[in-house]
C-alpha atoms as a PDB file:
ATOM      1  CA  MET A   1      11.741  34.976  12.020  1.00  0.00           C
ATOM      2  CA  ASN A   2      15.336  34.028  11.091  1.00  0.00           C
ATOM      3  CA  ARG A   3      17.481  35.654   8.412  1.00  0.00           C
ATOM      4  CA  LYS A   4      16.656  33.072   5.740  1.00  0.00           C
ATOM      5  CA  SER A   5      12.924  33.381   6.421  1.00  0.00           C
ATOM      6  CA  ARG A   6      13.144  37.166   6.162  1.00  0.00           C
ATOM      7  CA  GLN A   7      15.004  36.857   2.858  1.00  0.00           C
ATOM      8  CA  ASN A   8      12.395  34.481   1.473  1.00  0.00           C
ATOM      9  CA  ARG A   9       9.558  36.749   2.611  1.00  0.00           C
ATOM     10  CA  GLN A  10      11.236  39.745   0.967  1.00  0.00           C
ATOM     11  CA  THR A  11      11.551  37.745  -2.245  1.00  0.00           C
ATOM     12  CA  ASP A  12       7.876  36.758  -2.057  1.00  0.00           C
ATOM     13  CA  GLN A  13       6.938  40.419  -1.754  1.00  0.00           C
ATOM     14  CA  LEU A  14       9.229  41.393  -4.617  1.00  0.00           C
ATOM     15  CA  LEU A  15       7.780  38.784  -6.956  1.00  0.00           C
ATOM     16  CA  GLY A  16       4.179  39.281  -5.906  1.00  0.00           C
ATOM     17  CA  VAL A  17       3.618  35.621  -5.063  1.00  0.00           C
ATOM     18  CA  ASP A  18       3.491  33.408  -1.995  1.00  0.00           C
ATOM     19  CA  PHE A  19       6.454  31.123  -2.494  1.00  0.00           C
ATOM     20  CA  SER A  20       7.380  30.050   1.028  1.00  0.00           C
ATOM     21  CA  LEU A  21       9.679  27.051   0.655  1.00  0.00           C
ATOM     22  CA  LYS A  22      12.360  25.287   2.627  1.00  0.00           C
ATOM     23  CA  ALA A  23      15.957  25.709   1.522  1.00  0.00           C
ATOM     24  CA  VAL A  24      17.524  22.741  -0.256  1.00  0.00           C
ATOM     25  CA  ALA A  25      21.185  23.742  -0.370  1.00  0.00           C
ATOM     26  CA  SER A  26      22.133  21.010   2.091  1.00  0.00           C
ATOM     27  CA  VAL A  27      20.027  18.209   0.597  1.00  0.00           C
ATOM     28  CA  SER A  28      22.111  15.177  -0.348  1.00  0.00           C
ATOM     29  CA  THR A  29      21.885  13.658  -3.821  1.00  0.00           C
ATOM     30  CA  ASP A  30      21.749  10.081  -5.053  1.00  0.00           C
ATOM     31  CA  ALA A  31      23.354  11.245  -8.315  1.00  0.00           C
ATOM     32  CA  GLY A  32      26.654  11.664  -6.516  1.00  0.00           C
ATOM     33  CA  GLU A  33      26.704   7.900  -5.940  1.00  0.00           C
ATOM     34  CA  VAL A  34      26.998   7.270  -9.668  1.00  0.00           C
ATOM     35  CA  SER A  35      30.710   6.917 -10.377  1.00  0.00           C
ATOM     36  CA  ARG A  36      32.675   9.878 -11.736  1.00  0.00           C
ATOM     37  CA  SER A  37      36.106   9.377 -13.269  1.00  0.00           C
ATOM     38  CA  GLY A  38      37.706  12.384 -11.604  1.00  0.00           C
ATOM     39  CA  ASP A  39      36.993  15.557  -9.672  1.00  0.00           C
ATOM     40  CA  PRO A  40      33.963  17.364 -11.195  1.00  0.00           C
ATOM     41  CA  ARG A  41      35.552  20.824 -11.034  1.00  0.00           C
ATOM     42  CA  GLU A  42      38.722  19.592 -12.701  1.00  0.00           C
ATOM     43  CA  LEU A  43      36.727  17.741 -15.349  1.00  0.00           C
ATOM     44  CA  LEU A  44      34.709  20.871 -16.127  1.00  0.00           C
ATOM     45  CA  ASP A  45      37.903  22.915 -16.397  1.00  0.00           C
ATOM     46  CA  ARG A  46      39.331  20.393 -18.853  1.00  0.00           C
ATOM     47  CA  LEU A  47      36.122  20.399 -20.870  1.00  0.00           C
ATOM     48  CA  ARG A  48      36.145  24.181 -21.024  1.00  0.00           C
ATOM     49  CA  ALA A  49      39.755  24.203 -22.215  1.00  0.00           C
ATOM     50  CA  ARG A  50      38.864  21.741 -24.965  1.00  0.00           C
ATOM     51  CA  HIS A  51      35.839  23.802 -25.958  1.00  0.00           C
ATOM     52  CA  ASP A  52      37.789  27.056 -26.062  1.00  0.00           C
ATOM     53  CA  ALA A  53      40.475  25.430 -28.197  1.00  0.00           C
ATOM     54  CA  GLU A  54      37.884  24.320 -30.735  1.00  0.00           C
ATOM     55  CA  CYS A  55      35.464  27.265 -30.539  1.00  0.00           C
ATOM     56  CA  PRO A  56      37.446  29.718 -32.760  1.00  0.00           C
ATOM     57  CA  HIS A  57      36.771  27.391 -35.680  1.00  0.00           C
ATOM     58  CA  CYS A  58      32.972  27.655 -35.403  1.00  0.00           C
ATOM     59  CA  THR A  59      30.931  29.880 -37.719  1.00  0.00           C
ATOM     60  CA  GLN A  60      29.825  32.125 -34.837  1.00  0.00           C
ATOM     61  CA  ALA A  61      33.387  33.155 -34.020  1.00  0.00           C
ATOM     62  CA  THR A  62      33.049  36.687 -35.410  1.00  0.00           C
ATOM     63  CA  ALA A  63      29.825  37.332 -33.466  1.00  0.00           C
ATOM     64  CA  HIS A  64      31.287  37.111 -29.971  1.00  0.00           C
ATOM     65  CA  THR A  65      34.220  38.418 -27.967  1.00  0.00           C
ATOM     66  CA  GLN A  66      34.559  35.442 -25.621  1.00  0.00           C
ATOM     67  CA  THR A  67      32.900  32.158 -24.763  1.00  0.00           C
ATOM     68  CA  VAL A  68      30.419  31.765 -21.905  1.00  0.00           C
ATOM     69  CA  PHE A  69      30.872  28.212 -20.720  1.00  0.00           C
ATOM     70  CA  GLY A  70      28.778  28.064 -17.540  1.00  0.00           C
ATOM     71  CA  GLU A  71      29.187  28.666 -13.829  1.00  0.00           C
ATOM     72  CA  GLY A  72      28.112  27.449 -10.429  1.00  0.00           C
ATOM     73  CA  SER A  73      28.613  24.397  -8.274  1.00  0.00           C
ATOM     74  CA  PRO A  74      30.214  21.456 -10.126  1.00  0.00           C
ATOM     75  CA  GLU A  75      28.186  19.150  -7.871  1.00  0.00           C
ATOM     76  CA  ALA A  76      24.895  21.054  -8.023  1.00  0.00           C
ATOM     77  CA  ASP A  77      21.592  19.289  -7.402  1.00  0.00           C
ATOM     78  CA  LEU A  78      19.943  21.725  -9.817  1.00  0.00           C
ATOM     79  CA  VAL A  79      21.040  22.879 -13.285  1.00  0.00           C
ATOM     80  CA  PHE A  80      19.389  25.684 -15.266  1.00  0.00           C
ATOM     81  CA  ILE A  81      19.852  25.614 -19.043  1.00  0.00           C
ATOM     82  CA  GLY A  82      19.137  28.557 -21.350  1.00  0.00           C
ATOM     83  CA  GLU A  83      19.644  28.960 -25.077  1.00  0.00           C
ATOM     84  CA  ALA A  84      22.628  31.286 -25.644  1.00  0.00           C
ATOM     85  CA  PRO A  85      24.583  34.211 -24.175  1.00  0.00           C
ATOM     86  CA  GLY A  86      23.427  37.757 -24.890  1.00  0.00           C
ATOM     87  CA  ALA A  87      25.442  40.951 -25.280  1.00  0.00           C
ATOM     88  CA  THR A  88      26.059  41.458 -21.553  1.00  0.00           C
ATOM     89  CA  GLU A  89      27.004  37.819 -21.073  1.00  0.00           C
ATOM     90  CA  ASP A  90      29.382  38.061 -24.022  1.00  0.00           C
ATOM     91  CA  GLU A  91      31.004  41.143 -22.508  1.00  0.00           C
ATOM     92  CA  LEU A  92      31.429  39.667 -19.016  1.00  0.00           C
ATOM     93  CA  GLY A  93      31.967  36.009 -19.910  1.00  0.00           C
ATOM     94  CA  ARG A  94      29.276  34.804 -17.489  1.00  0.00           C
ATOM     95  CA  PRO A  95      25.834  33.274 -18.150  1.00  0.00           C
ATOM     96  CA  PHE A  96      22.623  35.136 -17.290  1.00  0.00           C
ATOM     97  CA  VAL A  97      24.040  38.414 -15.973  1.00  0.00           C
ATOM     98  CA  GLY A  98      21.916  40.861 -17.979  1.00  0.00           C
ATOM     99  CA  ARG A  99      18.288  41.807 -17.325  1.00  0.00           C
ATOM    100  CA  ALA A 100      17.141  38.228 -17.899  1.00  0.00           C
ATOM    101  CA  GLY A 101      19.878  37.096 -15.540  1.00  0.00           C
ATOM    102  CA  LYS A 102      18.560  39.325 -12.776  1.00  0.00           C
ATOM    103  CA  LYS A 103      15.146  37.735 -13.242  1.00  0.00           C
ATOM    104  CA  LEU A 104      16.727  34.277 -13.039  1.00  0.00           C
ATOM    105  CA  ASP A 105      18.481  35.363  -9.837  1.00  0.00           C
ATOM    106  CA  GLU A 106      15.062  36.224  -8.384  1.00  0.00           C
ATOM    107  CA  MET A 107      13.766  32.790  -9.359  1.00  0.00           C
ATOM    108  CA  ILE A 108      16.742  31.073  -7.732  1.00  0.00           C
ATOM    109  CA  GLN A 109      16.505  33.207  -4.584  1.00  0.00           C
ATOM    110  CA  ALA A 110      12.791  32.456  -4.326  1.00  0.00           C
ATOM    111  CA  MET A 111      13.762  28.795  -3.991  1.00  0.00           C
ATOM    112  CA  GLY A 112      15.988  29.624  -1.028  1.00  0.00           C
ATOM    113  CA  LEU A 113      19.131  29.131  -3.126  1.00  0.00           C
ATOM    114  CA  SER A 114      21.928  31.234  -4.584  1.00  0.00           C
ATOM    115  CA  ARG A 115      23.790  31.064  -7.887  1.00  0.00           C
ATOM    116  CA  GLU A 116      26.614  29.320  -6.030  1.00  0.00           C
ATOM    117  CA  ASP A 117      24.250  26.459  -5.098  1.00  0.00           C
ATOM    118  CA  VAL A 118      23.177  25.689  -8.672  1.00  0.00           C
ATOM    119  CA  TYR A 119      24.834  25.419 -12.077  1.00  0.00           C
ATOM    120  CA  ILE A 120      23.850  27.686 -14.978  1.00  0.00           C
ATOM    121  CA  ALA A 121      24.645  26.942 -18.610  1.00  0.00           C
ATOM    122  CA  ASN A 122      23.401  27.533 -22.140  1.00  0.00           C
ATOM    123  CA  VAL A 123      22.945  25.351 -25.191  1.00  0.00           C
ATOM    124  CA  LEU A 124      25.366  27.620 -27.087  1.00  0.00           C
ATOM    125  CA  LYS A 125      28.574  28.756 -25.434  1.00  0.00           C
ATOM    126  CA  ALA A 126      28.947  31.834 -27.645  1.00  0.00           C
ATOM    127  CA  ARG A 127      26.660  34.703 -28.590  1.00  0.00           C
ATOM    128  CA  PRO A 128      24.827  34.220 -31.905  1.00  0.00           C
ATOM    129  CA  PRO A 129      24.929  37.120 -34.396  1.00  0.00           C
ATOM    130  CA  ASP A 130      22.443  39.848 -33.415  1.00  0.00           C
ATOM    131  CA  ASN A 131      21.231  37.727 -30.474  1.00  0.00           C
ATOM    132  CA  ARG A 132      19.149  35.623 -32.844  1.00  0.00           C
ATOM    133  CA  THR A 133      17.716  32.222 -31.965  1.00  0.00           C
ATOM    134  CA  PRO A 134      20.317  29.440 -32.256  1.00  0.00           C
ATOM    135  CA  GLN A 135      20.283  27.621 -35.584  1.00  0.00           C
ATOM    136  CA  PRO A 136      20.122  23.804 -35.831  1.00  0.00           C
ATOM    137  CA  ASP A 137      23.714  23.493 -37.068  1.00  0.00           C
ATOM    138  CA  GLU A 138      24.970  25.657 -34.184  1.00  0.00           C
ATOM    139  CA  ILE A 139      23.062  23.561 -31.667  1.00  0.00           C
ATOM    140  CA  ALA A 140      24.477  20.385 -33.217  1.00  0.00           C
ATOM    141  CA  ARG A 141      28.035  21.688 -32.781  1.00  0.00           C
ATOM    142  CA  CYS A 142      27.591  23.001 -29.232  1.00  0.00           C
ATOM    143  CA  SER A 143      25.276  20.416 -27.685  1.00  0.00           C
ATOM    144  CA  PRO A 144      27.963  17.755 -27.070  1.00  0.00           C
ATOM    145  CA  TYR A 145      29.674  20.156 -24.653  1.00  0.00           C
ATOM    146  CA  LEU A 146      26.439  20.727 -22.743  1.00  0.00           C
ATOM    147  CA  GLN A 147      25.799  16.999 -22.643  1.00  0.00           C
ATOM    148  CA  GLU A 148      29.268  16.431 -21.222  1.00  0.00           C
ATOM    149  CA  GLN A 149      28.700  19.164 -18.618  1.00  0.00           C
ATOM    150  CA  LEU A 150      25.595  17.327 -17.453  1.00  0.00           C
ATOM    151  CA  ARG A 151      27.455  14.012 -17.429  1.00  0.00           C
ATOM    152  CA  ILE A 152      30.095  15.537 -15.144  1.00  0.00           C
ATOM    153  CA  ILE A 153      27.723  17.400 -12.805  1.00  0.00           C
ATOM    154  CA  ARG A 154      24.984  14.738 -12.595  1.00  0.00           C
ATOM    155  CA  PRO A 155      22.287  17.017 -11.157  1.00  0.00           C
ATOM    156  CA  ARG A 156      19.167  15.718  -9.472  1.00  0.00           C
ATOM    157  CA  VAL A 157      16.948  18.038 -11.551  1.00  0.00           C
ATOM    158  CA  ILE A 158      17.332  20.054 -14.757  1.00  0.00           C
ATOM    159  CA  VAL A 159      15.266  23.172 -15.467  1.00  0.00           C
ATOM    160  CA  THR A 160      15.179  24.129 -19.145  1.00  0.00           C
ATOM    161  CA  LEU A 161      14.523  27.805 -19.786  1.00  0.00           C
ATOM    162  CA  GLY A 162      12.592  28.434 -22.985  1.00  0.00           C
ATOM    163  CA  GLY A 163      12.031  26.568 -26.223  1.00  0.00           C
ATOM    164  CA  PRO A 164      15.511  25.880 -27.678  1.00  0.00           C
ATOM    165  CA  ALA A 165      16.902  24.367 -24.473  1.00  0.00           C
ATOM    166  CA  THR A 166      13.745  22.342 -23.876  1.00  0.00           C
ATOM    167  CA  LYS A 167      13.642  20.976 -27.417  1.00  0.00           C
ATOM    168  CA  LEU A 168      17.268  19.878 -27.216  1.00  0.00           C
ATOM    169  CA  ILE A 169      17.163  18.248 -23.787  1.00  0.00           C
ATOM    170  CA  LEU A 170      13.784  16.541 -24.281  1.00  0.00           C
ATOM    171  CA  GLU A 171      14.341  15.828 -27.994  1.00  0.00           C
ATOM    172  CA  THR A 172      10.970  17.267 -28.929  1.00  0.00           C
ATOM    173  CA  THR A 173       9.441  19.736 -31.357  1.00  0.00           C
ATOM    174  CA  THR A 174       6.601  20.684 -29.007  1.00  0.00           C
ATOM    175  CA  GLY A 175       6.521  24.340 -27.936  1.00  0.00           C
ATOM    176  CA  ILE A 176       7.367  25.570 -24.448  1.00  0.00           C
ATOM    177  CA  THR A 177       3.843  26.803 -23.711  1.00  0.00           C
ATOM    178  CA  ARG A 178       2.559  23.227 -23.990  1.00  0.00           C
ATOM    179  CA  LEU A 179       5.490  21.589 -22.226  1.00  0.00           C
ATOM    180  CA  ARG A 180       6.068  23.913 -19.277  1.00  0.00           C
ATOM    181  CA  GLY A 181       4.981  22.500 -15.971  1.00  0.00           C
ATOM    182  CA  THR A 182       5.190  18.902 -17.222  1.00  0.00           C
ATOM    183  CA  TRP A 183       8.013  16.608 -16.167  1.00  0.00           C
ATOM    184  CA  GLY A 184      10.264  15.050 -18.770  1.00  0.00           C
ATOM    185  CA  SER A 185      13.535  13.176 -18.402  1.00  0.00           C
ATOM    186  CA  TYR A 186      17.099  13.268 -19.675  1.00  0.00           C
ATOM    187  CA  ARG A 187      19.291  10.173 -19.785  1.00  0.00           C
ATOM    188  CA  ILE A 188      22.999  10.239 -19.049  1.00  0.00           C
ATOM    189  CA  GLU A 189      24.582   7.190 -20.641  1.00  0.00           C
ATOM    190  CA  ASN A 190      27.792   6.045 -18.989  1.00  0.00           C
ATOM    191  CA  GLY A 191      28.358   2.856 -20.928  1.00  0.00           C
ATOM    192  CA  ASP A 192      28.963   1.015 -17.663  1.00  0.00           C
ATOM    193  CA  GLY A 193      25.416   0.000 -16.814  1.00  0.00           C
ATOM    194  CA  ALA A 194      24.977   2.928 -14.419  1.00  0.00           C
ATOM    195  CA  ASP A 195      22.915   5.182 -16.686  1.00  0.00           C
ATOM    196  CA  LEU A 196      21.106   8.004 -14.918  1.00  0.00           C
ATOM    197  CA  GLU A 197      17.629   9.391 -15.641  1.00  0.00           C
ATOM    198  CA  ILE A 198      17.401  13.046 -14.621  1.00  0.00           C
ATOM    199  CA  PRO A 199      13.969  14.706 -14.219  1.00  0.00           C
ATOM    200  CA  VAL A 200      13.541  17.781 -16.431  1.00  0.00           C
ATOM    201  CA  MET A 201      11.152  20.665 -15.773  1.00  0.00           C
ATOM    202  CA  PRO A 202      10.612  23.029 -18.727  1.00  0.00           C
ATOM    203  CA  THR A 203       9.619  26.589 -17.868  1.00  0.00           C
ATOM    204  CA  TYR A 204       9.627  30.040 -19.417  1.00  0.00           C
ATOM    205  CA  HIS A 205      12.885  31.784 -20.238  1.00  0.00           C
ATOM    206  CA  PRO A 206      13.493  34.786 -17.932  1.00  0.00           C
ATOM    207  CA  ALA A 207      13.632  37.045 -21.010  1.00  0.00           C
ATOM    208  CA  TYR A 208      10.072  35.976 -21.840  1.00  0.00           C
ATOM    209  CA  LEU A 209       8.998  36.818 -18.301  1.00  0.00           C
ATOM    210  CA  LEU A 210      10.448  40.311 -18.677  1.00  0.00           C
ATOM    211  CA  ARG A 211       8.198  40.855 -21.691  1.00  0.00           C
ATOM    212  CA  ASN A 212       5.160  39.013 -20.322  1.00  0.00           C
ATOM    213  CA  TYR A 213       5.277  39.327 -16.546  1.00  0.00           C
ATOM    214  CA  THR A 214       1.565  38.912 -15.915  1.00  0.00           C
ATOM    215  CA  LYS A 215      -0.263  37.379 -12.987  1.00  0.00           C
ATOM    216  CA  GLN A 216      -0.729  34.217 -15.041  1.00  0.00           C
ATOM    217  CA  THR A 217       2.912  33.809 -16.083  1.00  0.00           C
ATOM    218  CA  ARG A 218       4.075  34.536 -12.521  1.00  0.00           C
ATOM    219  CA  SER A 219       1.747  31.853 -11.212  1.00  0.00           C
ATOM    220  CA  GLU A 220       2.866  29.362 -13.857  1.00  0.00           C
ATOM    221  CA  VAL A 221       6.605  29.806 -13.394  1.00  0.00           C
ATOM    222  CA  TRP A 222       6.430  29.654  -9.616  1.00  0.00           C
ATOM    223  CA  SER A 223       4.286  26.541  -9.890  1.00  0.00           C
ATOM    224  CA  ASP A 224       7.039  25.022 -12.033  1.00  0.00           C
ATOM    225  CA  LEU A 225       9.715  25.942  -9.496  1.00  0.00           C
ATOM    226  CA  GLN A 226       7.593  24.635  -6.631  1.00  0.00           C
ATOM    227  CA  ALA A 227       7.427  21.281  -8.423  1.00  0.00           C
ATOM    228  CA  VAL A 228      11.213  21.342  -8.798  1.00  0.00           C
ATOM    229  CA  LYS A 229      11.627  22.136  -5.116  1.00  0.00           C
ATOM    230  CA  ASP A 230       9.314  19.293  -4.136  1.00  0.00           C
ATOM    231  CA  ARG A 231      11.219  16.859  -6.364  1.00  0.00           C
ATOM    232  CA  ILE A 232      14.579  17.799  -4.837  1.00  0.00           C
ATOM    233  CA  LEU A 233      13.202  17.504  -1.312  1.00  0.00           C
ATOM    234  CA  ALA A 234      11.538  14.137  -2.012  1.00  0.00           C
END
């Protein structure tokens, strides 16, 4: 058994599920063939600079110490989207680094990937007051930045984590418990006739799994990730 197989087996044992999958880090992507007007990393850096210049004027400004823009590969096949940074994320300036972040790390590792292989972002780039659920006006202000991130990265698959992210990306009011495990799609409009439809898999937010980590929820979330893995490998 090689090192990667041992790592995957250890992850299976940790999570209490059989999730033996092939790694996809080296899989090529058709999305990269859709034209980009510049280097993705440079474009993301420019977008972040624009966001940070405008962010102090938003109504959440007093609730956070710094923005949490996103991190990972600028050419990732897979993007995870949550709802908003928490206290630990606000302190460190990185997405999903608290307890929920550790659970997301387990999910990513169970797919044979690392955080460096994927891209992780949130609907909001700043912590809401008292970690509350993002409000519609906050989502309306922040969502254009997320949409531009996706336009730059052009992933093969998007995984939405929890209700707020799923409702935004899929433009729906249906709850996550009904949508999880069912494929949706997100359209990137380029205005040049090369629009891109990206498959979207809604699943539970890692914070929900921390509160409800039952045999059923484990089975459901790993089923969702298996479907994502199969789609990327297809």
